[in-house]
Amino acid sequence: MKNLLAFLLGIIAGFVAAHFLNKDPRGAELLADIDARIEEFTGRIGEAYRLEEARRSSADDAPAV
């Protein structure tokens, strides 16, 4: 139970810190940069997944030798 409470307090503290960081123009710029990097990363992961899915799909359609 203590671990759950510590986990929830950590999440709440993170949201509060991000809120105050976002109020400052430099902090907002930092958060925007972090968000852009995360979006770039998730975009690359999604693209790689779709390419692999297409590769596997085309391999399944190929006739067996």
C-alpha atoms as a PDB file:
ATOM      1  CA  MET A   1       0.000   0.000   0.000  1.00  0.00           C
ATOM      2  CA  LYS A   2       2.922   2.334   0.772  1.00  0.00           C
ATOM      3  CA  ASN A   3       4.367   1.729  -2.683  1.00  0.00           C
ATOM      4  CA  LEU A   4       1.081   2.609  -4.357  1.00  0.00           C
ATOM      5  CA  LEU A   5       0.813   5.815  -2.341  1.00  0.00           C
ATOM      6  CA  ALA A   6       4.401   6.781  -3.213  1.00  0.00           C
ATOM      7  CA  PHE A   7       3.706   6.034  -6.884  1.00  0.00           C
ATOM      8  CA  LEU A   8       0.562   8.181  -6.934  1.00  0.00           C
ATOM      9  CA  LEU A   9       2.298  11.030  -5.097  1.00  0.00           C
ATOM     10  CA  GLY A  10       5.111  10.884  -7.650  1.00  0.00           C
ATOM     11  CA  ILE A  11       2.669  11.144 -10.529  1.00  0.00           C
ATOM     12  CA  ILE A  12       0.869  14.066  -8.896  1.00  0.00           C
ATOM     13  CA  ALA A  13       4.170  15.821  -8.171  1.00  0.00           C
ATOM     14  CA  GLY A  14       5.195  15.338 -11.802  1.00  0.00           C
ATOM     15  CA  PHE A  15       1.997  16.932 -13.062  1.00  0.00           C
ATOM     16  CA  VAL A  16       2.386  19.868 -10.666  1.00  0.00           C
ATOM     17  CA  ALA A  17       6.026  20.366 -11.695  1.00  0.00           C
ATOM     18  CA  ALA A  18       5.096  20.227 -15.404  1.00  0.00           C
ATOM     19  CA  HIS A  19       2.323  22.769 -14.802  1.00  0.00           C
ATOM     20  CA  PHE A  20       4.714  25.251 -13.192  1.00  0.00           C
ATOM     21  CA  LEU A  21       7.389  24.541 -15.802  1.00  0.00           C
ATOM     22  CA  ASN A  22       4.885  25.237 -18.570  1.00  0.00           C
ATOM     23  CA  LYS A  23       4.086  28.687 -17.124  1.00  0.00           C
ATOM     24  CA  ASP A  24       7.649  29.877 -17.791  1.00  0.00           C
ATOM     25  CA  PRO A  25       8.386  30.608 -21.487  1.00  0.00           C
ATOM     26  CA  ARG A  26      11.687  28.709 -21.341  1.00  0.00           C
ATOM     27  CA  GLY A  27       9.962  25.809 -19.636  1.00  0.00           C
ATOM     28  CA  ALA A  28       7.200  25.778 -22.235  1.00  0.00           C
ATOM     29  CA  GLU A  29       9.869  25.703 -24.956  1.00  0.00           C
ATOM     30  CA  LEU A  30      11.608  22.802 -23.205  1.00  0.00           C
ATOM     31  CA  LEU A  31       8.354  20.859 -22.897  1.00  0.00           C
ATOM     32  CA  ALA A  32       7.546  21.537 -26.560  1.00  0.00           C
ATOM     33  CA  ASP A  33      10.982  20.218 -27.548  1.00  0.00           C
ATOM     34  CA  ILE A  34      10.474  17.086 -25.466  1.00  0.00           C
ATOM     35  CA  ASP A  35       7.030  16.600 -27.002  1.00  0.00           C
ATOM     36  CA  ALA A  36       8.453  16.953 -30.528  1.00  0.00           C
ATOM     37  CA  ARG A  37      11.139  14.362 -29.791  1.00  0.00           C
ATOM     38  CA  ILE A  38       8.578  11.938 -28.392  1.00  0.00           C
ATOM     39  CA  GLU A  39       6.343  12.405 -31.437  1.00  0.00           C
ATOM     40  CA  GLU A  40       9.306  11.824 -33.770  1.00  0.00           C
ATOM     41  CA  PHE A  41      10.234   8.657 -31.873  1.00  0.00           C
ATOM     42  CA  THR A  42       6.699   7.264 -31.850  1.00  0.00           C
ATOM     43  CA  GLY A  43       6.339   8.139 -35.541  1.00  0.00           C
ATOM     44  CA  ARG A  44       9.462   6.147 -36.367  1.00  0.00           C
ATOM     45  CA  ILE A  45       8.274   3.198 -34.283  1.00  0.00           C
ATOM     46  CA  GLY A  46       4.876   3.270 -36.020  1.00  0.00           C
ATOM     47  CA  GLU A  47       6.488   3.457 -39.442  1.00  0.00           C
ATOM     48  CA  ALA A  48       8.788   0.538 -38.652  1.00  0.00           C
ATOM     49  CA  TYR A  49       5.804  -1.475 -37.412  1.00  0.00           C
ATOM     50  CA  ARG A  50       3.820  -0.787 -40.571  1.00  0.00           C
ATOM     51  CA  LEU A  51       6.795  -1.709 -42.784  1.00  0.00           C
ATOM     52  CA  GLU A  52       7.321  -4.966 -40.899  1.00  0.00           C
ATOM     53  CA  GLU A  53       3.606  -5.754 -41.068  1.00  0.00           C
ATOM     54  CA  ALA A  54       3.627  -5.139 -44.836  1.00  0.00           C
ATOM     55  CA  ARG A  55       6.744  -7.295 -45.240  1.00  0.00           C
ATOM     56  CA  ARG A  56       5.175 -10.163 -43.314  1.00  0.00           C
ATOM     57  CA  SER A  57       1.922  -9.812 -45.204  1.00  0.00           C
ATOM     58  CA  SER A  58       3.704  -9.975 -48.561  1.00  0.00           C
ATOM     59  CA  ALA A  59       5.758 -12.965 -47.362  1.00  0.00           C
ATOM     60  CA  ASP A  60       2.535 -14.785 -46.444  1.00  0.00           C
ATOM     61  CA  ASP A  61       1.116 -14.118 -49.917  1.00  0.00           C
ATOM     62  CA  ALA A  62       4.188 -15.536 -51.679  1.00  0.00           C
ATOM     63  CA  PRO A  63       3.774 -19.097 -53.012  1.00  0.00           C
ATOM     64  CA  ALA A  64       5.652 -21.855 -51.205  1.00  0.00           C
ATOM     65  CA  VAL A  65       8.532 -23.393 -53.157  1.00  0.00           C
END
